[in-house]
Amino acid sequence: MTKELNTFVAAWREASPILEAMRDEELRSTPLPVAMAQLSSMIDSAVFLKPLSDSSGLVEMQRIFAKLR
């Protein structure tokens, strides 16, 4: 590896536990109503970007299973 890449990897190894601790604390300290509102917004966005299909997905599932045989 190059010196730049080694430096980059070393920096992430040092920062990773700190960032993980920050993320965990943020998740623990977020009030449930706020978390539920955020989750609801994410679901609304996902449905808006890719509306739900009218089919059950059974035909697609059978097609995938047939490939696995």
PDB file of N, CA and C in Angstrom:
ATOM      1  N   MET A   1       0.836  -1.190   0.000  1.00  0.00           N
ATOM      2  CA  MET A   1       0.000   0.000   0.000  1.00  0.00           C
ATOM      3  C   MET A   1       0.874   1.245   0.000  1.00  0.00           C
ATOM      4  N   THR A   2       0.304   2.274  -0.497  1.00  0.00           N
ATOM      5  CA  THR A   2       1.058   3.521  -0.519  1.00  0.00           C
ATOM      6  C   THR A   2       1.013   4.178   0.858  1.00  0.00           C
ATOM      7  N   LYS A   3       1.886   5.126   1.040  1.00  0.00           N
ATOM      8  CA  LYS A   3       1.949   5.838   2.322  1.00  0.00           C
ATOM      9  C   LYS A   3       0.638   6.574   2.581  1.00  0.00           C
ATOM     10  N   GLU A   4       0.050   7.190   1.533  1.00  0.00           N
ATOM     11  CA  GLU A   4      -1.220   7.911   1.696  1.00  0.00           C
ATOM     12  C   GLU A   4      -2.330   6.970   2.156  1.00  0.00           C
ATOM     13  N   LEU A   5      -2.385   5.797   1.530  1.00  0.00           N
ATOM     14  CA  LEU A   5      -3.413   4.833   1.891  1.00  0.00           C
ATOM     15  C   LEU A   5      -3.217   4.330   3.315  1.00  0.00           C
ATOM     16  N   ASN A   6      -1.992   4.076   3.711  1.00  0.00           N
ATOM     17  CA  ASN A   6      -1.709   3.657   5.088  1.00  0.00           C
ATOM     18  C   ASN A   6      -2.129   4.721   6.088  1.00  0.00           C
ATOM     19  N   THR A   7      -1.869   5.975   5.764  1.00  0.00           N
ATOM     20  CA  THR A   7      -2.263   7.092   6.623  1.00  0.00           C
ATOM     21  C   THR A   7      -3.776   7.171   6.740  1.00  0.00           C
ATOM     22  N   PHE A   8      -4.456   7.004   5.605  1.00  0.00           N
ATOM     23  CA  PHE A   8      -5.915   7.048   5.564  1.00  0.00           C
ATOM     24  C   PHE A   8      -6.501   5.928   6.433  1.00  0.00           C
ATOM     25  N   VAL A   9      -6.002   4.715   6.277  1.00  0.00           N
ATOM     26  CA  VAL A   9      -6.489   3.571   7.051  1.00  0.00           C
ATOM     27  C   VAL A   9      -6.220   3.776   8.540  1.00  0.00           C
ATOM     28  N   ALA A  10      -5.059   4.272   8.875  1.00  0.00           N
ATOM     29  CA  ALA A  10      -4.729   4.512  10.282  1.00  0.00           C
ATOM     30  C   ALA A  10      -5.663   5.559  10.891  1.00  0.00           C
ATOM     31  N   ALA A  11      -5.970   6.590  10.133  1.00  0.00           N
ATOM     32  CA  ALA A  11      -6.871   7.636  10.625  1.00  0.00           C
ATOM     33  C   ALA A  11      -8.266   7.067  10.893  1.00  0.00           C
ATOM     34  N   TRP A  12      -8.759   6.222   9.989  1.00  0.00           N
ATOM     35  CA  TRP A  12     -10.079   5.623  10.192  1.00  0.00           C
ATOM     36  C   TRP A  12     -10.071   4.636  11.350  1.00  0.00           C
ATOM     37  N   ARG A  13      -8.993   3.913  11.529  1.00  0.00           N
ATOM     38  CA  ARG A  13      -8.912   2.986  12.670  1.00  0.00           C
ATOM     39  C   ARG A  13      -8.999   3.754  13.988  1.00  0.00           C
ATOM     40  N   GLU A  14      -8.408   4.923  14.019  1.00  0.00           N
ATOM     41  CA  GLU A  14      -8.443   5.742  15.229  1.00  0.00           C
ATOM     42  C   GLU A  14      -9.804   6.398  15.412  1.00  0.00           C
ATOM     43  N   ALA A  15     -10.387   6.871  14.324  1.00  0.00           N
ATOM     44  CA  ALA A  15     -11.656   7.598  14.411  1.00  0.00           C
ATOM     45  C   ALA A  15     -12.863   6.679  14.574  1.00  0.00           C
ATOM     46  N   SER A  16     -12.776   5.472  14.076  1.00  0.00           N
ATOM     47  CA  SER A  16     -13.926   4.573  14.062  1.00  0.00           C
ATOM     48  C   SER A  16     -14.560   4.353  15.437  1.00  0.00           C
ATOM     49  N   PRO A  17     -13.810   3.998  16.472  1.00  0.00           N
ATOM     50  CA  PRO A  17     -14.455   3.791  17.780  1.00  0.00           C
ATOM     51  C   PRO A  17     -15.082   5.066  18.340  1.00  0.00           C
ATOM     52  N   ILE A  18     -14.462   6.190  18.069  1.00  0.00           N
ATOM     53  CA  ILE A  18     -14.999   7.468  18.551  1.00  0.00           C
ATOM     54  C   ILE A  18     -16.316   7.773  17.851  1.00  0.00           C
ATOM     55  N   LEU A  19     -16.352   7.598  16.527  1.00  0.00           N
ATOM     56  CA  LEU A  19     -17.574   7.854  15.764  1.00  0.00           C
ATOM     57  C   LEU A  19     -18.681   6.872  16.146  1.00  0.00           C
ATOM     58  N   GLU A  20     -18.315   5.626  16.382  1.00  0.00           N
ATOM     59  CA  GLU A  20     -19.301   4.629  16.795  1.00  0.00           C
ATOM     60  C   GLU A  20     -19.905   4.981  18.151  1.00  0.00           C
ATOM     61  N   ALA A  21     -19.084   5.438  19.082  1.00  0.00           N
ATOM     62  CA  ALA A  21     -19.579   5.848  20.396  1.00  0.00           C
ATOM     63  C   ALA A  21     -20.506   7.046  20.275  1.00  0.00           C
ATOM     64  N   MET A  22     -20.152   7.981  19.401  1.00  0.00           N
ATOM     65  CA  MET A  22     -21.012   9.157  19.180  1.00  0.00           C
ATOM     66  C   MET A  22     -22.366   8.733  18.608  1.00  0.00           C
ATOM     67  N   ARG A  23     -22.340   7.830  17.637  1.00  0.00           N
ATOM     68  CA  ARG A  23     -23.579   7.349  17.025  1.00  0.00           C
ATOM     69  C   ARG A  23     -24.442   6.638  18.060  1.00  0.00           C
ATOM     70  N   ASP A  24     -23.830   5.766  18.859  1.00  0.00           N
ATOM     71  CA  ASP A  24     -24.585   5.036  19.881  1.00  0.00           C
ATOM     72  C   ASP A  24     -25.229   5.987  20.885  1.00  0.00           C
ATOM     73  N   GLU A  25     -24.485   6.983  21.310  1.00  0.00           N
ATOM     74  CA  GLU A  25     -25.024   7.955  22.273  1.00  0.00           C
ATOM     75  C   GLU A  25     -26.183   8.742  21.661  1.00  0.00           C
ATOM     76  N   GLU A  26     -26.028   9.120  20.405  1.00  0.00           N
ATOM     77  CA  GLU A  26     -27.103   9.865  19.732  1.00  0.00           C
ATOM     78  C   GLU A  26     -28.363   9.005  19.629  1.00  0.00           C
ATOM     79  N   LEU A  27     -28.195   7.723  19.311  1.00  0.00           N
ATOM     80  CA  LEU A  27     -29.355   6.836  19.220  1.00  0.00           C
ATOM     81  C   LEU A  27     -30.016   6.654  20.581  1.00  0.00           C
ATOM     82  N   ARG A  28     -29.208   6.507  21.627  1.00  0.00           N
ATOM     83  CA  ARG A  28     -29.763   6.325  22.971  1.00  0.00           C
ATOM     84  C   ARG A  28     -30.477   7.576  23.469  1.00  0.00           C
ATOM     85  N   SER A  29     -29.992   8.736  23.099  1.00  0.00           N
ATOM     86  CA  SER A  29     -30.538   9.975  23.650  1.00  0.00           C
ATOM     87  C   SER A  29     -31.705  10.542  22.835  1.00  0.00           C
ATOM     88  N   THR A  30     -32.000   9.959  21.675  1.00  0.00           N
ATOM     89  CA  THR A  30     -33.104  10.461  20.856  1.00  0.00           C
ATOM     90  C   THR A  30     -34.423  10.017  21.473  1.00  0.00           C
ATOM     91  N   PRO A  31     -35.303  10.968  21.776  1.00  0.00           N
ATOM     92  CA  PRO A  31     -36.607  10.606  22.344  1.00  0.00           C
ATOM     93  C   PRO A  31     -37.413   9.759  21.347  1.00  0.00           C
ATOM     94  N   LEU A  32     -38.197   8.832  21.870  1.00  0.00           N
ATOM     95  CA  LEU A  32     -38.957   7.920  21.025  1.00  0.00           C
ATOM     96  C   LEU A  32     -39.865   8.650  20.029  1.00  0.00           C
ATOM     97  N   PRO A  33     -40.615   9.690  20.432  1.00  0.00           N
ATOM     98  CA  PRO A  33     -41.471  10.366  19.446  1.00  0.00           C
ATOM     99  C   PRO A  33     -40.666  10.964  18.275  1.00  0.00           C
ATOM    100  N   VAL A  34     -39.491  11.473  18.567  1.00  0.00           N
ATOM    101  CA  VAL A  34     -38.642  12.043  17.512  1.00  0.00           C
ATOM    102  C   VAL A  34     -38.171  10.927  16.580  1.00  0.00           C
ATOM    103  N   ALA A  35     -37.740   9.810  17.153  1.00  0.00           N
ATOM    104  CA  ALA A  35     -37.277   8.681  16.348  1.00  0.00           C
ATOM    105  C   ALA A  35     -38.408   8.138  15.476  1.00  0.00           C
ATOM    106  N   MET A  36     -39.615   8.046  16.029  1.00  0.00           N
ATOM    107  CA  MET A  36     -40.754   7.553  15.259  1.00  0.00           C
ATOM    108  C   MET A  36     -41.106   8.512  14.115  1.00  0.00           C
ATOM    109  N   ALA A  37     -41.028   9.806  14.364  1.00  0.00           N
ATOM    110  CA  ALA A  37     -41.302  10.787  13.309  1.00  0.00           C
ATOM    111  C   ALA A  37     -40.262  10.673  12.194  1.00  0.00           C
ATOM    112  N   GLN A  38     -39.007  10.481  12.564  1.00  0.00           N
ATOM    113  CA  GLN A  38     -37.951  10.326  11.557  1.00  0.00           C
ATOM    114  C   GLN A  38     -38.164   9.058  10.747  1.00  0.00           C
ATOM    115  N   LEU A  39     -38.519   7.974  11.414  1.00  0.00           N
ATOM    116  CA  LEU A  39     -38.761   6.717  10.727  1.00  0.00           C
ATOM    117  C   LEU A  39     -39.953   6.844   9.784  1.00  0.00           C
ATOM    118  N   SER A  40     -40.993   7.494  10.241  1.00  0.00           N
ATOM    119  CA  SER A  40     -42.177   7.697   9.407  1.00  0.00           C
ATOM    120  C   SER A  40     -41.832   8.490   8.147  1.00  0.00           C
ATOM    121  N   SER A  41     -41.016   9.517   8.311  1.00  0.00           N
ATOM    122  CA  SER A  41     -40.596  10.322   7.163  1.00  0.00           C
ATOM    123  C   SER A  41     -39.774   9.502   6.176  1.00  0.00           C
ATOM    124  N   MET A  42     -38.903   8.625   6.687  1.00  0.00           N
ATOM    125  CA  MET A  42     -38.095   7.779   5.802  1.00  0.00           C
ATOM    126  C   MET A  42     -38.983   6.824   5.015  1.00  0.00           C
ATOM    127  N   ILE A  43     -39.991   6.250   5.678  1.00  0.00           N
ATOM    128  CA  ILE A  43     -40.896   5.321   4.999  1.00  0.00           C
ATOM    129  C   ILE A  43     -41.712   6.058   3.947  1.00  0.00           C
ATOM    130  N   ASP A  44     -42.222   7.234   4.302  1.00  0.00           N
ATOM    131  CA  ASP A  44     -42.978   8.031   3.332  1.00  0.00           C
ATOM    132  C   ASP A  44     -42.134   8.347   2.106  1.00  0.00           C
ATOM    133  N   SER A  45     -40.885   8.691   2.329  1.00  0.00           N
ATOM    134  CA  SER A  45     -39.979   9.014   1.225  1.00  0.00           C
ATOM    135  C   SER A  45     -39.739   7.794   0.343  1.00  0.00           C
ATOM    136  N   ALA A  46     -39.527   6.644   0.965  1.00  0.00           N
ATOM    137  CA  ALA A  46     -39.277   5.422   0.200  1.00  0.00           C
ATOM    138  C   ALA A  46     -40.490   5.050  -0.644  1.00  0.00           C
ATOM    139  N   VAL A  47     -41.691   5.168  -0.090  1.00  0.00           N
ATOM    140  CA  VAL A  47     -42.908   4.847  -0.830  1.00  0.00           C
ATOM    141  C   VAL A  47     -43.111   5.850  -1.962  1.00  0.00           C
ATOM    142  N   PHE A  48     -42.785   7.112  -1.726  1.00  0.00           N
ATOM    143  CA  PHE A  48     -42.923   8.139  -2.767  1.00  0.00           C
ATOM    144  C   PHE A  48     -41.963   7.860  -3.916  1.00  0.00           C
ATOM    145  N   LEU A  49     -40.725   7.485  -3.590  1.00  0.00           N
ATOM    146  CA  LEU A  49     -39.726   7.253  -4.632  1.00  0.00           C
ATOM    147  C   LEU A  49     -39.976   5.957  -5.399  1.00  0.00           C
ATOM    148  N   LYS A  50     -40.537   4.955  -4.730  1.00  0.00           N
ATOM    149  CA  LYS A  50     -40.851   3.682  -5.396  1.00  0.00           C
ATOM    150  C   LYS A  50     -42.184   3.189  -4.844  1.00  0.00           C
ATOM    151  N   PRO A  51     -43.274   3.580  -5.505  1.00  0.00           N
ATOM    152  CA  PRO A  51     -44.602   3.197  -5.004  1.00  0.00           C
ATOM    153  C   PRO A  51     -44.736   1.681  -4.876  1.00  0.00           C
ATOM    154  N   LEU A  52     -45.582   1.269  -3.950  1.00  0.00           N
ATOM    155  CA  LEU A  52     -45.819  -0.143  -3.717  1.00  0.00           C
ATOM    156  C   LEU A  52     -46.453  -0.783  -4.942  1.00  0.00           C
ATOM    157  N   SER A  53     -46.092  -2.023  -5.196  1.00  0.00           N
ATOM    158  CA  SER A  53     -46.620  -2.769  -6.334  1.00  0.00           C
ATOM    159  C   SER A  53     -48.023  -3.276  -6.030  1.00  0.00           C
ATOM    160  N   ASP A  54     -48.834  -3.405  -7.078  1.00  0.00           N
ATOM    161  CA  ASP A  54     -50.182  -3.944  -6.904  1.00  0.00           C
ATOM    162  C   ASP A  54     -50.167  -5.463  -6.751  1.00  0.00           C
ATOM    163  N   SER A  55     -49.079  -6.105  -7.205  1.00  0.00           N
ATOM    164  CA  SER A  55     -49.005  -7.560  -7.119  1.00  0.00           C
ATOM    165  C   SER A  55     -48.434  -7.975  -5.763  1.00  0.00           C
ATOM    166  N   SER A  56     -48.630  -9.261  -5.461  1.00  0.00           N
ATOM    167  CA  SER A  56     -48.138  -9.778  -4.185  1.00  0.00           C
ATOM    168  C   SER A  56     -46.654 -10.106  -4.234  1.00  0.00           C
ATOM    169  N   GLY A  57     -46.107 -10.188  -5.462  1.00  0.00           N
ATOM    170  CA  GLY A  57     -44.710 -10.544  -5.602  1.00  0.00           C
ATOM    171  C   GLY A  57     -44.496 -12.039  -5.753  1.00  0.00           C
ATOM    172  N   LEU A  58     -45.600 -12.798  -5.757  1.00  0.00           N
ATOM    173  CA  LEU A  58     -45.502 -14.253  -5.832  1.00  0.00           C
ATOM    174  C   LEU A  58     -44.833 -14.711  -7.125  1.00  0.00           C
ATOM    175  N   VAL A  59     -45.211 -14.094  -8.255  1.00  0.00           N
ATOM    176  CA  VAL A  59     -44.624 -14.489  -9.536  1.00  0.00           C
ATOM    177  C   VAL A  59     -43.127 -14.218  -9.541  1.00  0.00           C
ATOM    178  N   GLU A  60     -42.733 -13.073  -9.042  1.00  0.00           N
ATOM    179  CA  GLU A  60     -41.308 -12.735  -8.977  1.00  0.00           C
ATOM    180  C   GLU A  60     -40.564 -13.704  -8.062  1.00  0.00           C
ATOM    181  N   MET A  61     -41.158 -14.041  -6.932  1.00  0.00           N
ATOM    182  CA  MET A  61     -40.539 -14.969  -5.994  1.00  0.00           C
ATOM    183  C   MET A  61     -40.367 -16.344  -6.648  1.00  0.00           C
ATOM    184  N   GLN A  62     -41.372 -16.809  -7.374  1.00  0.00           N
ATOM    185  CA  GLN A  62     -41.280 -18.101  -8.056  1.00  0.00           C
ATOM    186  C   GLN A  62     -40.187 -18.085  -9.123  1.00  0.00           C
ATOM    187  N   ARG A  63     -40.027 -16.964  -9.816  1.00  0.00           N
ATOM    188  CA  ARG A  63     -38.984 -16.832 -10.822  1.00  0.00           C
ATOM    189  C   ARG A  63     -37.606 -16.962 -10.166  1.00  0.00           C
ATOM    190  N   ILE A  64     -37.425 -16.329  -9.020  1.00  0.00           N
ATOM    191  CA  ILE A  64     -36.149 -16.396  -8.298  1.00  0.00           C
ATOM    192  C   ILE A  64     -35.893 -17.823  -7.811  1.00  0.00           C
ATOM    193  N   PHE A  65     -36.930 -18.476  -7.272  1.00  0.00           N
ATOM    194  CA  PHE A  65     -36.762 -19.860  -6.802  1.00  0.00           C
ATOM    195  C   PHE A  65     -36.401 -20.793  -7.948  1.00  0.00           C
ATOM    196  N   ALA A  66     -36.998 -20.567  -9.114  1.00  0.00           N
ATOM    197  CA  ALA A  66     -36.697 -21.418 -10.266  1.00  0.00           C
ATOM    198  C   ALA A  66     -35.229 -21.301 -10.666  1.00  0.00           C
ATOM    199  N   LYS A  67     -34.654 -20.119 -10.549  1.00  0.00           N
ATOM    200  CA  LYS A  67     -33.236 -19.918 -10.863  1.00  0.00           C
ATOM    201  C   LYS A  67     -32.345 -20.656  -9.868  1.00  0.00           C
ATOM    202  N   LEU A  68     -32.789 -20.802  -8.634  1.00  0.00           N
ATOM    203  CA  LEU A  68     -31.985 -21.439  -7.598  1.00  0.00           C
ATOM    204  C   LEU A  68     -31.971 -22.965  -7.712  1.00  0.00           C
ATOM    205  N   ARG A  69     -32.902 -23.519  -8.458  1.00  0.00           N
ATOM    206  CA  ARG A  69     -32.956 -24.997  -8.598  1.00  0.00           C
ATOM    207  C   ARG A  69     -31.872 -25.512  -9.458  1.00  0.00           C
TER     208      ARG A  69
END
